Amino acid sequence: MTTFNVHVTIENKPGISDPEGETILNDLVLKGTNSTITTIKTAKMLKFTIKEKDKKSAKSKVKEICDELRIYNPMVSTIILDVFET
């Protein structure tokens, strides 16, 4: 068994409002700085450490856990899983 770090990023699907990201963007616009930034989106990240036989198994197991525990709402959010060998 190998130890893997699996990062789960939870973000809103396209078209779903992101008030926190919009507030940060508005603050930048009001300050008049960083005018080249046009969009800011926020996300949550969970970091799992898991022992599995390979990267594919680690990713699959963490996805299963996220779905089983309803860690995210699939109606409004998407998840991105990144797996790193430790």
N, C-alpha and C. Protein backbone atom coordinates (compact mmCIF):
# COMPACT_ATOMS: atom_id res chain seq x y z
N MET A 1 0.84 -1.19 0.00
CA MET A 1 0.00 0.00 0.00
C MET A 1 0.88 1.25 0.00
N THR A 2 0.43 2.21 -0.76
CA THR A 2 1.15 3.48 -0.86
C THR A 2 0.28 4.57 -0.26
N THR A 3 0.90 5.59 0.31
CA THR A 3 0.17 6.73 0.87
C THR A 3 0.05 7.80 -0.19
N PHE A 4 -1.18 8.30 -0.35
CA PHE A 4 -1.47 9.36 -1.31
C PHE A 4 -2.13 10.53 -0.62
N ASN A 5 -1.87 11.72 -1.11
CA ASN A 5 -2.63 12.90 -0.73
C ASN A 5 -3.62 13.16 -1.85
N VAL A 6 -4.88 13.30 -1.50
CA VAL A 6 -5.92 13.59 -2.48
C VAL A 6 -6.54 14.93 -2.11
N HIS A 7 -6.42 15.89 -3.01
CA HIS A 7 -7.02 17.21 -2.81
C HIS A 7 -8.35 17.26 -3.55
N VAL A 8 -9.40 17.58 -2.81
CA VAL A 8 -10.74 17.69 -3.39
C VAL A 8 -11.11 19.16 -3.40
N THR A 9 -11.27 19.72 -4.60
CA THR A 9 -11.68 21.12 -4.74
C THR A 9 -13.15 21.14 -5.10
N ILE A 10 -13.92 21.86 -4.29
CA ILE A 10 -15.37 21.98 -4.50
C ILE A 10 -15.66 23.40 -4.95
N GLU A 11 -16.26 23.53 -6.14
CA GLU A 11 -16.58 24.86 -6.64
C GLU A 11 -17.95 24.85 -7.29
N ASN A 12 -18.53 26.05 -7.41
CA ASN A 12 -19.84 26.18 -8.02
C ASN A 12 -19.78 25.86 -9.50
N LYS A 13 -20.84 25.26 -10.01
CA LYS A 13 -20.95 25.03 -11.45
C LYS A 13 -21.08 26.37 -12.16
N PRO A 14 -20.74 26.41 -13.46
CA PRO A 14 -20.95 27.65 -14.23
C PRO A 14 -22.41 28.08 -14.15
N GLY A 15 -22.63 29.37 -14.00
CA GLY A 15 -23.99 29.91 -13.93
C GLY A 15 -24.54 30.01 -12.51
N ILE A 16 -23.89 29.39 -11.54
CA ILE A 16 -24.31 29.47 -10.14
C ILE A 16 -23.58 30.66 -9.52
N SER A 17 -24.33 31.52 -8.84
CA SER A 17 -23.73 32.73 -8.28
C SER A 17 -22.67 32.40 -7.23
N ASP A 18 -21.69 33.27 -7.13
CA ASP A 18 -20.59 33.14 -6.17
C ASP A 18 -20.44 34.48 -5.46
N PRO A 19 -21.30 34.76 -4.46
CA PRO A 19 -21.27 36.05 -3.80
C PRO A 19 -19.91 36.41 -3.19
N GLU A 20 -19.21 35.44 -2.65
CA GLU A 20 -17.91 35.72 -2.04
C GLU A 20 -16.90 36.18 -3.10
N GLY A 21 -16.86 35.48 -4.22
CA GLY A 21 -15.96 35.87 -5.31
C GLY A 21 -16.32 37.24 -5.88
N GLU A 22 -17.63 37.49 -6.01
CA GLU A 22 -18.09 38.79 -6.53
C GLU A 22 -17.73 39.93 -5.59
N THR A 23 -17.82 39.69 -4.28
CA THR A 23 -17.46 40.71 -3.29
C THR A 23 -15.98 41.04 -3.38
N ILE A 24 -15.15 40.01 -3.48
CA ILE A 24 -13.70 40.24 -3.59
C ILE A 24 -13.39 41.03 -4.86
N LEU A 25 -14.02 40.65 -5.98
CA LEU A 25 -13.81 41.36 -7.24
C LEU A 25 -14.26 42.81 -7.12
N ASN A 26 -15.42 43.05 -6.52
CA ASN A 26 -15.93 44.42 -6.36
C ASN A 26 -14.98 45.27 -5.52
N ASP A 27 -14.41 44.68 -4.47
CA ASP A 27 -13.46 45.42 -3.64
C ASP A 27 -12.23 45.82 -4.46
N LEU A 28 -11.76 44.94 -5.32
CA LEU A 28 -10.61 45.29 -6.18
C LEU A 28 -10.97 46.41 -7.14
N VAL A 29 -12.17 46.34 -7.71
CA VAL A 29 -12.61 47.37 -8.66
C VAL A 29 -12.75 48.71 -7.96
N LEU A 30 -13.35 48.72 -6.76
CA LEU A 30 -13.53 49.97 -6.01
C LEU A 30 -12.20 50.60 -5.64
N LYS A 31 -11.21 49.77 -5.34
CA LYS A 31 -9.89 50.29 -4.98
C LYS A 31 -9.14 50.80 -6.21
N GLY A 32 -9.61 50.42 -7.38
CA GLY A 32 -8.98 50.88 -8.61
C GLY A 32 -7.68 50.17 -8.93
N THR A 33 -7.42 49.09 -8.23
CA THR A 33 -6.19 48.33 -8.49
C THR A 33 -6.53 47.04 -9.22
N ASN A 34 -5.55 46.48 -9.86
CA ASN A 34 -5.71 45.19 -10.52
C ASN A 34 -6.89 45.17 -11.50
N SER A 35 -6.98 46.19 -12.33
CA SER A 35 -8.10 46.31 -13.26
C SER A 35 -8.11 45.23 -14.34
N THR A 36 -7.04 44.48 -14.45
CA THR A 36 -7.00 43.41 -15.45
C THR A 36 -7.73 42.15 -14.99
N ILE A 37 -8.06 42.08 -13.72
CA ILE A 37 -8.80 40.92 -13.20
C ILE A 37 -10.28 41.14 -13.48
N THR A 38 -10.89 40.17 -14.16
CA THR A 38 -12.30 40.32 -14.54
C THR A 38 -13.23 39.37 -13.80
N THR A 39 -12.69 38.28 -13.25
CA THR A 39 -13.52 37.30 -12.55
C THR A 39 -12.73 36.69 -11.41
N ILE A 40 -13.40 36.49 -10.29
CA ILE A 40 -12.82 35.75 -9.17
C ILE A 40 -13.85 34.73 -8.73
N LYS A 41 -13.44 33.48 -8.62
CA LYS A 41 -14.32 32.43 -8.15
C LYS A 41 -13.70 31.80 -6.91
N THR A 42 -14.53 31.52 -5.94
CA THR A 42 -14.05 30.90 -4.71
C THR A 42 -14.32 29.39 -4.77
N ALA A 43 -13.60 28.66 -3.94
CA ALA A 43 -13.77 27.22 -3.85
C ALA A 43 -13.35 26.77 -2.46
N LYS A 44 -13.75 25.56 -2.11
CA LYS A 44 -13.31 24.94 -0.86
C LYS A 44 -12.39 23.79 -1.23
N MET A 45 -11.42 23.53 -0.37
CA MET A 45 -10.54 22.39 -0.62
C MET A 45 -10.48 21.50 0.61
N LEU A 46 -10.61 20.22 0.38
CA LEU A 46 -10.43 19.21 1.42
C LEU A 46 -9.18 18.43 1.05
N LYS A 47 -8.37 18.08 2.03
CA LYS A 47 -7.15 17.32 1.78
C LYS A 47 -7.22 16.00 2.54
N PHE A 48 -7.25 14.92 1.79
CA PHE A 48 -7.29 13.58 2.36
C PHE A 48 -5.90 12.95 2.25
N THR A 49 -5.52 12.17 3.25
CA THR A 49 -4.36 11.30 3.17
C THR A 49 -4.91 9.89 3.28
N ILE A 50 -4.58 9.06 2.28
CA ILE A 50 -5.19 7.74 2.19
C ILE A 50 -4.15 6.72 1.73
N LYS A 51 -4.26 5.50 2.23
CA LYS A 51 -3.39 4.41 1.80
C LYS A 51 -4.18 3.52 0.85
N GLU A 52 -3.69 3.40 -0.37
CA GLU A 52 -4.32 2.57 -1.39
C GLU A 52 -3.24 1.95 -2.25
N LYS A 53 -3.64 1.02 -3.13
CA LYS A 53 -2.65 0.32 -3.95
C LYS A 53 -2.12 1.16 -5.10
N ASP A 54 -2.93 2.13 -5.60
CA ASP A 54 -2.47 2.99 -6.69
C ASP A 54 -3.28 4.29 -6.72
N LYS A 55 -2.85 5.21 -7.59
CA LYS A 55 -3.51 6.52 -7.68
C LYS A 55 -4.99 6.40 -8.04
N LYS A 56 -5.28 5.52 -8.97
CA LYS A 56 -6.66 5.35 -9.42
C LYS A 56 -7.57 4.90 -8.28
N SER A 57 -7.09 3.96 -7.47
CA SER A 57 -7.87 3.47 -6.32
C SER A 57 -8.05 4.57 -5.28
N ALA A 58 -7.00 5.34 -5.05
CA ALA A 58 -7.09 6.44 -4.07
C ALA A 58 -8.12 7.46 -4.51
N LYS A 59 -8.08 7.84 -5.78
CA LYS A 59 -9.03 8.81 -6.32
C LYS A 59 -10.45 8.27 -6.24
N SER A 60 -10.64 7.03 -6.62
CA SER A 60 -11.96 6.41 -6.61
C SER A 60 -12.54 6.33 -5.19
N LYS A 61 -11.71 5.96 -4.23
CA LYS A 61 -12.17 5.83 -2.84
C LYS A 61 -12.58 7.19 -2.27
N VAL A 62 -11.78 8.21 -2.52
CA VAL A 62 -12.12 9.54 -2.00
C VAL A 62 -13.38 10.07 -2.68
N LYS A 63 -13.54 9.83 -3.97
CA LYS A 63 -14.77 10.24 -4.68
C LYS A 63 -15.98 9.55 -4.05
N GLU A 64 -15.84 8.26 -3.78
CA GLU A 64 -16.91 7.49 -3.15
C GLU A 64 -17.27 8.07 -1.78
N ILE A 65 -16.26 8.44 -1.00
CA ILE A 65 -16.49 9.04 0.32
C ILE A 65 -17.24 10.37 0.18
N CYS A 66 -16.81 11.21 -0.76
CA CYS A 66 -17.45 12.51 -0.97
C CYS A 66 -18.92 12.35 -1.36
N ASP A 67 -19.19 11.38 -2.23
CA ASP A 67 -20.57 11.13 -2.65
C ASP A 67 -21.41 10.56 -1.51
N GLU A 68 -20.85 9.60 -0.80
CA GLU A 68 -21.56 8.92 0.28
C GLU A 68 -21.93 9.88 1.41
N LEU A 69 -21.00 10.75 1.77
CA LEU A 69 -21.22 11.68 2.88
C LEU A 69 -21.86 12.99 2.43
N ARG A 70 -22.13 13.11 1.13
CA ARG A 70 -22.73 14.33 0.57
C ARG A 70 -21.92 15.56 0.96
N ILE A 71 -20.62 15.46 0.76
CA ILE A 71 -19.71 16.55 1.09
C ILE A 71 -19.96 17.76 0.20
N TYR A 72 -20.54 17.53 -0.96
CA TYR A 72 -20.88 18.61 -1.89
C TYR A 72 -22.26 18.35 -2.45
N ASN A 73 -22.88 19.40 -2.97
CA ASN A 73 -24.19 19.28 -3.58
C ASN A 73 -24.01 19.18 -5.10
N PRO A 74 -24.21 18.00 -5.68
CA PRO A 74 -23.96 17.84 -7.12
C PRO A 74 -24.89 18.66 -8.01
N MET A 75 -25.94 19.22 -7.45
CA MET A 75 -26.84 20.07 -8.24
C MET A 75 -26.20 21.43 -8.53
N VAL A 76 -25.40 21.92 -7.61
CA VAL A 76 -24.82 23.27 -7.77
C VAL A 76 -23.30 23.29 -7.78
N SER A 77 -22.67 22.17 -7.40
CA SER A 77 -21.21 22.15 -7.29
C SER A 77 -20.59 21.04 -8.12
N THR A 78 -19.33 21.25 -8.44
CA THR A 78 -18.52 20.20 -9.06
C THR A 78 -17.32 19.97 -8.17
N ILE A 79 -16.70 18.80 -8.32
CA ILE A 79 -15.49 18.54 -7.57
C ILE A 79 -14.37 18.16 -8.54
N ILE A 80 -13.18 18.53 -8.16
CA ILE A 80 -11.97 18.18 -8.90
C ILE A 80 -11.08 17.44 -7.91
N LEU A 81 -10.63 16.25 -8.29
CA LEU A 81 -9.77 15.45 -7.41
C LEU A 81 -8.38 15.39 -8.01
N ASP A 82 -7.39 15.79 -7.23
CA ASP A 82 -5.99 15.72 -7.63
C ASP A 82 -5.28 14.78 -6.66
N VAL A 83 -4.55 13.82 -7.21
CA VAL A 83 -3.90 12.79 -6.40
C VAL A 83 -2.39 12.95 -6.50
N PHE A 84 -1.74 12.92 -5.34
CA PHE A 84 -0.27 13.06 -5.26
C PHE A 84 0.28 11.94 -4.41
N GLU A 85 1.33 11.32 -4.87
CA GLU A 85 2.00 10.30 -4.08
C GLU A 85 2.89 10.99 -3.06
N THR A 86 2.85 10.53 -1.80
CA THR A 86 3.67 11.18 -0.77
C THR A 86 5.04 10.57 -0.71
